[in-house]
């Protein structure tokens, strides 16, 4: 014997749950994604179909049933878009000659700024960023505390930002960093 279908007003369900489902879908896919409304409508259409076909037996709340459909449809949508993106990756814009030249100039300017940093800052940057050591490992190699490594990296980055903005600015240690470490 099949259990009786729950007596549900589908128009009332759609009116009640459209904002909730729309919010969930928009939050999952991003409000700038134009497909969020279509996915919301698909979730509500699937809900109506499943209620009419008897898949919703009334064992749970209708909200729980709709939530499950929404989550599954969101996952399916994301998988579908991921599959399409893998098949047809976006074309990379080839930089113009001018953009390439600007990038090369910035790289040269930054390399010059790094080489003009005081040695203790260059060493900290080299170990942490280029050799990808942790702060603790960098500290062990330099014989200083991890906090001091953080300070050196922070100050070196500030000096580099200043040097890139103002090429004539001298790169020197801060006045309060006269301690030997």
C-alpha atoms as a PDB file:
ATOM      1  CA  UNK A   1       0.000   0.000   0.000  1.00  0.00           C
ATOM      2  CA  UNK A   2       1.362   3.436  -0.900  1.00  0.00           C
ATOM      3  CA  UNK A   3       1.167   6.193   1.669  1.00  0.00           C
ATOM      4  CA  UNK A   4      -1.272   8.991   0.843  1.00  0.00           C
ATOM      5  CA  UNK A   5       0.156  12.061  -0.861  1.00  0.00           C
ATOM      6  CA  UNK A   6       0.373  15.055   1.418  1.00  0.00           C
ATOM      7  CA  UNK A   7      -2.193  17.735   0.594  1.00  0.00           C
ATOM      8  CA  UNK A   8      -0.043  20.693  -0.494  1.00  0.00           C
ATOM      9  CA  UNK A   9      -0.884  23.952  -2.217  1.00  0.00           C
ATOM     10  CA  UNK A  10       1.893  24.160  -4.812  1.00  0.00           C
ATOM     11  CA  UNK A  11       1.272  27.841  -5.588  1.00  0.00           C
ATOM     12  CA  UNK A  12       1.661  28.684  -1.904  1.00  0.00           C
ATOM     13  CA  UNK A  13       4.847  26.589  -1.684  1.00  0.00           C
ATOM     14  CA  UNK A  14       6.374  28.364  -4.679  1.00  0.00           C
ATOM     15  CA  UNK A  15       5.411  31.794  -3.331  1.00  0.00           C
ATOM     16  CA  UNK A  16       6.766  30.944   0.124  1.00  0.00           C
ATOM     17  CA  UNK A  17      10.033  29.293  -0.893  1.00  0.00           C
ATOM     18  CA  UNK A  18      11.044  31.279  -4.021  1.00  0.00           C
ATOM     19  CA  UNK A  19      12.861  33.978  -1.977  1.00  0.00           C
ATOM     20  CA  UNK A  20      14.587  31.382   0.214  1.00  0.00           C
ATOM     21  CA  UNK A  21      15.704  29.249  -2.727  1.00  0.00           C
ATOM     22  CA  UNK A  22      16.707  32.368  -4.694  1.00  0.00           C
ATOM     23  CA  UNK A  23      18.871  33.571  -1.815  1.00  0.00           C
ATOM     24  CA  UNK A  24      20.541  30.163  -1.429  1.00  0.00           C
ATOM     25  CA  UNK A  25      21.231  29.845  -5.165  1.00  0.00           C
ATOM     26  CA  UNK A  26      22.396  33.458  -5.550  1.00  0.00           C
ATOM     27  CA  UNK A  27      24.722  33.049  -2.583  1.00  0.00           C
ATOM     28  CA  UNK A  28      26.171  29.802  -3.945  1.00  0.00           C
ATOM     29  CA  UNK A  29      26.598  30.915  -7.558  1.00  0.00           C
ATOM     30  CA  UNK A  30      27.248  34.600  -6.991  1.00  0.00           C
ATOM     31  CA  UNK A  31      24.786  37.418  -7.525  1.00  0.00           C
ATOM     32  CA  UNK A  32      26.669  38.544 -10.622  1.00  0.00           C
ATOM     33  CA  UNK A  33      26.010  35.153 -12.258  1.00  0.00           C
ATOM     34  CA  UNK A  34      23.021  35.663 -14.561  1.00  0.00           C
ATOM     35  CA  UNK A  35      22.051  31.982 -14.323  1.00  0.00           C
ATOM     36  CA  UNK A  36      20.998  32.120 -10.680  1.00  0.00           C
ATOM     37  CA  UNK A  37      17.369  32.897 -11.575  1.00  0.00           C
ATOM     38  CA  UNK A  38      17.227  29.983 -14.025  1.00  0.00           C
ATOM     39  CA  UNK A  39      18.637  27.603 -11.413  1.00  0.00           C
ATOM     40  CA  UNK A  40      16.082  28.884  -8.883  1.00  0.00           C
ATOM     41  CA  UNK A  41      13.249  28.260 -11.339  1.00  0.00           C
ATOM     42  CA  UNK A  42      14.609  24.785 -12.094  1.00  0.00           C
ATOM     43  CA  UNK A  43      14.663  23.941  -8.380  1.00  0.00           C
ATOM     44  CA  UNK A  44      11.052  25.041  -7.960  1.00  0.00           C
ATOM     45  CA  UNK A  45       9.962  23.193 -11.133  1.00  0.00           C
ATOM     46  CA  UNK A  46      11.693  20.025  -9.901  1.00  0.00           C
ATOM     47  CA  UNK A  47       9.937  20.431  -6.557  1.00  0.00           C
ATOM     48  CA  UNK A  48       6.531  20.666  -8.206  1.00  0.00           C
ATOM     49  CA  UNK A  49       7.264  17.651 -10.440  1.00  0.00           C
ATOM     50  CA  UNK A  50       8.480  15.550  -7.522  1.00  0.00           C
ATOM     51  CA  UNK A  51       5.498  16.461  -5.342  1.00  0.00           C
ATOM     52  CA  UNK A  52       3.074  15.618  -8.168  1.00  0.00           C
ATOM     53  CA  UNK A  53       4.843  12.329  -8.928  1.00  0.00           C
ATOM     54  CA  UNK A  54       4.676  11.272  -5.294  1.00  0.00           C
ATOM     55  CA  UNK A  55       8.408  11.428  -4.542  1.00  0.00           C
ATOM     56  CA  UNK A  56       7.623  13.758  -1.652  1.00  0.00           C
ATOM     57  CA  UNK A  57       5.843  11.477   0.778  1.00  0.00           C
ATOM     58  CA  UNK A  58       5.556  13.899   3.656  1.00  0.00           C
ATOM     59  CA  UNK A  59       8.165  12.151   5.816  1.00  0.00           C
ATOM     60  CA  UNK A  60      10.004  15.455   6.194  1.00  0.00           C
ATOM     61  CA  UNK A  61       9.145  19.111   6.019  1.00  0.00           C
ATOM     62  CA  UNK A  62       8.614  20.513   2.531  1.00  0.00           C
ATOM     63  CA  UNK A  63      11.369  23.062   3.241  1.00  0.00           C
ATOM     64  CA  UNK A  64      13.873  20.280   3.880  1.00  0.00           C
ATOM     65  CA  UNK A  65      12.795  18.575   0.664  1.00  0.00           C
ATOM     66  CA  UNK A  66      13.226  21.803  -1.337  1.00  0.00           C
ATOM     67  CA  UNK A  67      16.576  22.525   0.328  1.00  0.00           C
ATOM     68  CA  UNK A  68      17.887  19.104  -0.726  1.00  0.00           C
ATOM     69  CA  UNK A  69      16.763  19.676  -4.313  1.00  0.00           C
ATOM     70  CA  UNK A  70      18.374  23.137  -4.312  1.00  0.00           C
ATOM     71  CA  UNK A  71      21.713  21.895  -3.003  1.00  0.00           C
ATOM     72  CA  UNK A  72      21.826  19.060  -5.520  1.00  0.00           C
ATOM     73  CA  UNK A  73      20.933  21.375  -8.401  1.00  0.00           C
ATOM     74  CA  UNK A  74      23.614  23.885  -7.356  1.00  0.00           C
ATOM     75  CA  UNK A  75      26.224  21.126  -7.255  1.00  0.00           C
ATOM     76  CA  UNK A  76      25.097  19.877 -10.671  1.00  0.00           C
ATOM     77  CA  UNK A  77      25.284  23.399 -12.101  1.00  0.00           C
ATOM     78  CA  UNK A  78      28.813  23.937 -10.767  1.00  0.00           C
ATOM     79  CA  UNK A  79      29.967  20.559 -12.092  1.00  0.00           C
ATOM     80  CA  UNK A  80      28.466  21.326 -15.485  1.00  0.00           C
ATOM     81  CA  UNK A  81      30.193  24.720 -15.680  1.00  0.00           C
ATOM     82  CA  UNK A  82      33.482  23.196 -14.523  1.00  0.00           C
ATOM     83  CA  UNK A  83      33.251  20.515 -17.199  1.00  0.00           C
ATOM     84  CA  UNK A  84      32.568  23.140 -19.881  1.00  0.00           C
ATOM     85  CA  UNK A  85      35.472  25.272 -18.657  1.00  0.00           C
ATOM     86  CA  UNK A  86      37.835  22.294 -18.834  1.00  0.00           C
ATOM     87  CA  UNK A  87      36.764  21.518 -22.396  1.00  0.00           C
ATOM     88  CA  UNK A  88      36.921  25.121 -23.542  1.00  0.00           C
ATOM     89  CA  UNK A  89      39.390  27.063 -21.406  1.00  0.00           C
ATOM     90  CA  UNK A  90      39.107  30.829 -21.697  1.00  0.00           C
ATOM     91  CA  UNK A  91      41.416  32.344 -24.241  1.00  0.00           C
ATOM     92  CA  UNK A  92      44.338  34.104 -22.674  1.00  0.00           C
ATOM     93  CA  UNK A  93      44.727  37.637 -23.821  1.00  0.00           C
ATOM     94  CA  UNK A  94      48.133  38.061 -25.353  1.00  0.00           C
ATOM     95  CA  UNK A  95      49.667  41.227 -23.897  1.00  0.00           C
ATOM     96  CA  UNK A  96      50.483  43.975 -26.329  1.00  0.00           C
ATOM     97  CA  UNK A  97      54.075  44.987 -26.928  1.00  0.00           C
ATOM     98  CA  UNK A  98      53.492  48.078 -24.793  1.00  0.00           C
ATOM     99  CA  UNK A  99      52.099  46.041 -21.880  1.00  0.00           C
ATOM    100  CA  UNK A 100      55.008  43.604 -22.135  1.00  0.00           C
ATOM    101  CA  UNK A 101      57.482  46.491 -22.079  1.00  0.00           C
ATOM    102  CA  UNK A 102      55.755  48.046 -19.028  1.00  0.00           C
ATOM    103  CA  UNK A 103      55.847  44.707 -17.213  1.00  0.00           C
ATOM    104  CA  UNK A 104      59.535  44.267 -18.022  1.00  0.00           C
ATOM    105  CA  UNK A 105      60.254  47.778 -16.747  1.00  0.00           C
ATOM    106  CA  UNK A 106      58.416  47.065 -13.486  1.00  0.00           C
ATOM    107  CA  UNK A 107      60.334  43.811 -13.049  1.00  0.00           C
ATOM    108  CA  UNK A 108      63.647  45.585 -13.625  1.00  0.00           C
ATOM    109  CA  UNK A 109      62.699  48.381 -11.251  1.00  0.00           C
ATOM    110  CA  UNK A 110      61.718  45.876  -8.561  1.00  0.00           C
ATOM    111  CA  UNK A 111      64.880  43.789  -9.067  1.00  0.00           C
ATOM    112  CA  UNK A 112      66.987  46.941  -8.733  1.00  0.00           C
ATOM    113  CA  UNK A 113      65.088  47.923  -5.587  1.00  0.00           C
ATOM    114  CA  UNK A 114      65.560  44.458  -4.045  1.00  0.00           C
ATOM    115  CA  UNK A 115      69.282  44.495  -4.795  1.00  0.00           C
ATOM    116  CA  UNK A 116      69.635  47.899  -3.145  1.00  0.00           C
ATOM    117  CA  UNK A 117      67.964  46.776   0.100  1.00  0.00           C
ATOM    118  CA  UNK A 118      70.201  46.351   3.138  1.00  0.00           C
ATOM    119  CA  UNK A 119      71.514  42.776   3.325  1.00  0.00           C
ATOM    120  CA  UNK A 120      69.460  41.703   6.337  1.00  0.00           C
ATOM    121  CA  UNK A 121      66.226  42.544   4.492  1.00  0.00           C
ATOM    122  CA  UNK A 122      67.361  40.905   1.246  1.00  0.00           C
ATOM    123  CA  UNK A 123      68.234  37.712   3.127  1.00  0.00           C
ATOM    124  CA  UNK A 124      64.850  37.584   4.854  1.00  0.00           C
ATOM    125  CA  UNK A 125      63.007  38.132   1.558  1.00  0.00           C
ATOM    126  CA  UNK A 126      65.145  35.577  -0.240  1.00  0.00           C
ATOM    127  CA  UNK A 127      64.611  32.838   2.311  1.00  0.00           C
ATOM    128  CA  UNK A 128      60.933  33.503   2.884  1.00  0.00           C
ATOM    129  CA  UNK A 129      59.650  34.310  -0.608  1.00  0.00           C
ATOM    130  CA  UNK A 130      62.096  32.844  -3.088  1.00  0.00           C
ATOM    131  CA  UNK A 131      63.156  29.702  -1.220  1.00  0.00           C
ATOM    132  CA  UNK A 132      59.667  29.434   0.318  1.00  0.00           C
ATOM    133  CA  UNK A 133      60.841  28.659   3.843  1.00  0.00           C
ATOM    134  CA  UNK A 134      58.478  29.135   6.780  1.00  0.00           C
ATOM    135  CA  UNK A 135      59.007  32.054   9.133  1.00  0.00           C
ATOM    136  CA  UNK A 136      60.344  29.661  11.744  1.00  0.00           C
ATOM    137  CA  UNK A 137      62.845  28.071   9.334  1.00  0.00           C
ATOM    138  CA  UNK A 138      63.887  31.509   8.065  1.00  0.00           C
ATOM    139  CA  UNK A 139      64.416  32.610  11.664  1.00  0.00           C
ATOM    140  CA  UNK A 140      66.580  29.552  12.386  1.00  0.00           C
ATOM    141  CA  UNK A 141      68.721  30.173   9.313  1.00  0.00           C
ATOM    142  CA  UNK A 142      69.199  33.853  10.165  1.00  0.00           C
ATOM    143  CA  UNK A 143      69.619  33.255  13.907  1.00  0.00           C
ATOM    144  CA  UNK A 144      66.762  35.577  14.873  1.00  0.00           C
ATOM    145  CA  UNK A 145      63.232  35.182  16.237  1.00  0.00           C
ATOM    146  CA  UNK A 146      60.240  34.531  13.953  1.00  0.00           C
ATOM    147  CA  UNK A 147      58.782  37.865  15.084  1.00  0.00           C
ATOM    148  CA  UNK A 148      61.939  39.607  13.874  1.00  0.00           C
ATOM    149  CA  UNK A 149      61.603  37.806  10.510  1.00  0.00           C
ATOM    150  CA  UNK A 150      58.065  39.169  10.217  1.00  0.00           C
ATOM    151  CA  UNK A 151      59.301  42.662  11.030  1.00  0.00           C
ATOM    152  CA  UNK A 152      62.080  42.481   8.449  1.00  0.00           C
ATOM    153  CA  UNK A 153      59.793  41.179   5.735  1.00  0.00           C
ATOM    154  CA  UNK A 154      57.186  43.803   6.532  1.00  0.00           C
ATOM    155  CA  UNK A 155      59.703  46.633   6.484  1.00  0.00           C
ATOM    156  CA  UNK A 156      61.400  45.316   3.340  1.00  0.00           C
ATOM    157  CA  UNK A 157      58.055  45.283   1.552  1.00  0.00           C
ATOM    158  CA  UNK A 158      57.401  48.851   2.684  1.00  0.00           C
ATOM    159  CA  UNK A 159      60.813  49.904   1.381  1.00  0.00           C
ATOM    160  CA  UNK A 160      60.162  48.169  -1.938  1.00  0.00           C
ATOM    161  CA  UNK A 161      56.770  49.820  -2.328  1.00  0.00           C
ATOM    162  CA  UNK A 162      58.339  53.186  -1.641  1.00  0.00           C
ATOM    163  CA  UNK A 163      61.186  52.503  -4.075  1.00  0.00           C
ATOM    164  CA  UNK A 164      58.824  51.481  -6.846  1.00  0.00           C
ATOM    165  CA  UNK A 165      56.685  54.588  -6.321  1.00  0.00           C
ATOM    166  CA  UNK A 166      59.618  56.971  -5.775  1.00  0.00           C
ATOM    167  CA  UNK A 167      62.705  55.619  -7.557  1.00  0.00           C
ATOM    168  CA  UNK A 168      65.036  58.254  -6.071  1.00  0.00           C
ATOM    169  CA  UNK A 169      64.147  57.393  -2.448  1.00  0.00           C
ATOM    170  CA  UNK A 170      67.047  55.810  -0.517  1.00  0.00           C
ATOM    171  CA  UNK A 171      66.450  52.327   0.885  1.00  0.00           C
ATOM    172  CA  UNK A 172      67.703  52.224   4.424  1.00  0.00           C
ATOM    173  CA  UNK A 173      66.950  50.637   7.733  1.00  0.00           C
ATOM    174  CA  UNK A 174      64.350  52.297   9.951  1.00  0.00           C
ATOM    175  CA  UNK A 175      65.702  54.563  12.676  1.00  0.00           C
ATOM    176  CA  UNK A 176      64.347  52.258  15.412  1.00  0.00           C
ATOM    177  CA  UNK A 177      66.041  49.188  13.890  1.00  0.00           C
ATOM    178  CA  UNK A 178      69.503  50.016  15.160  1.00  0.00           C
ATOM    179  CA  UNK A 179      69.518  46.843  17.271  1.00  0.00           C
ATOM    180  CA  UNK A 180      71.923  44.112  16.244  1.00  0.00           C
ATOM    181  CA  UNK A 181      70.311  40.784  15.688  1.00  0.00           C
END
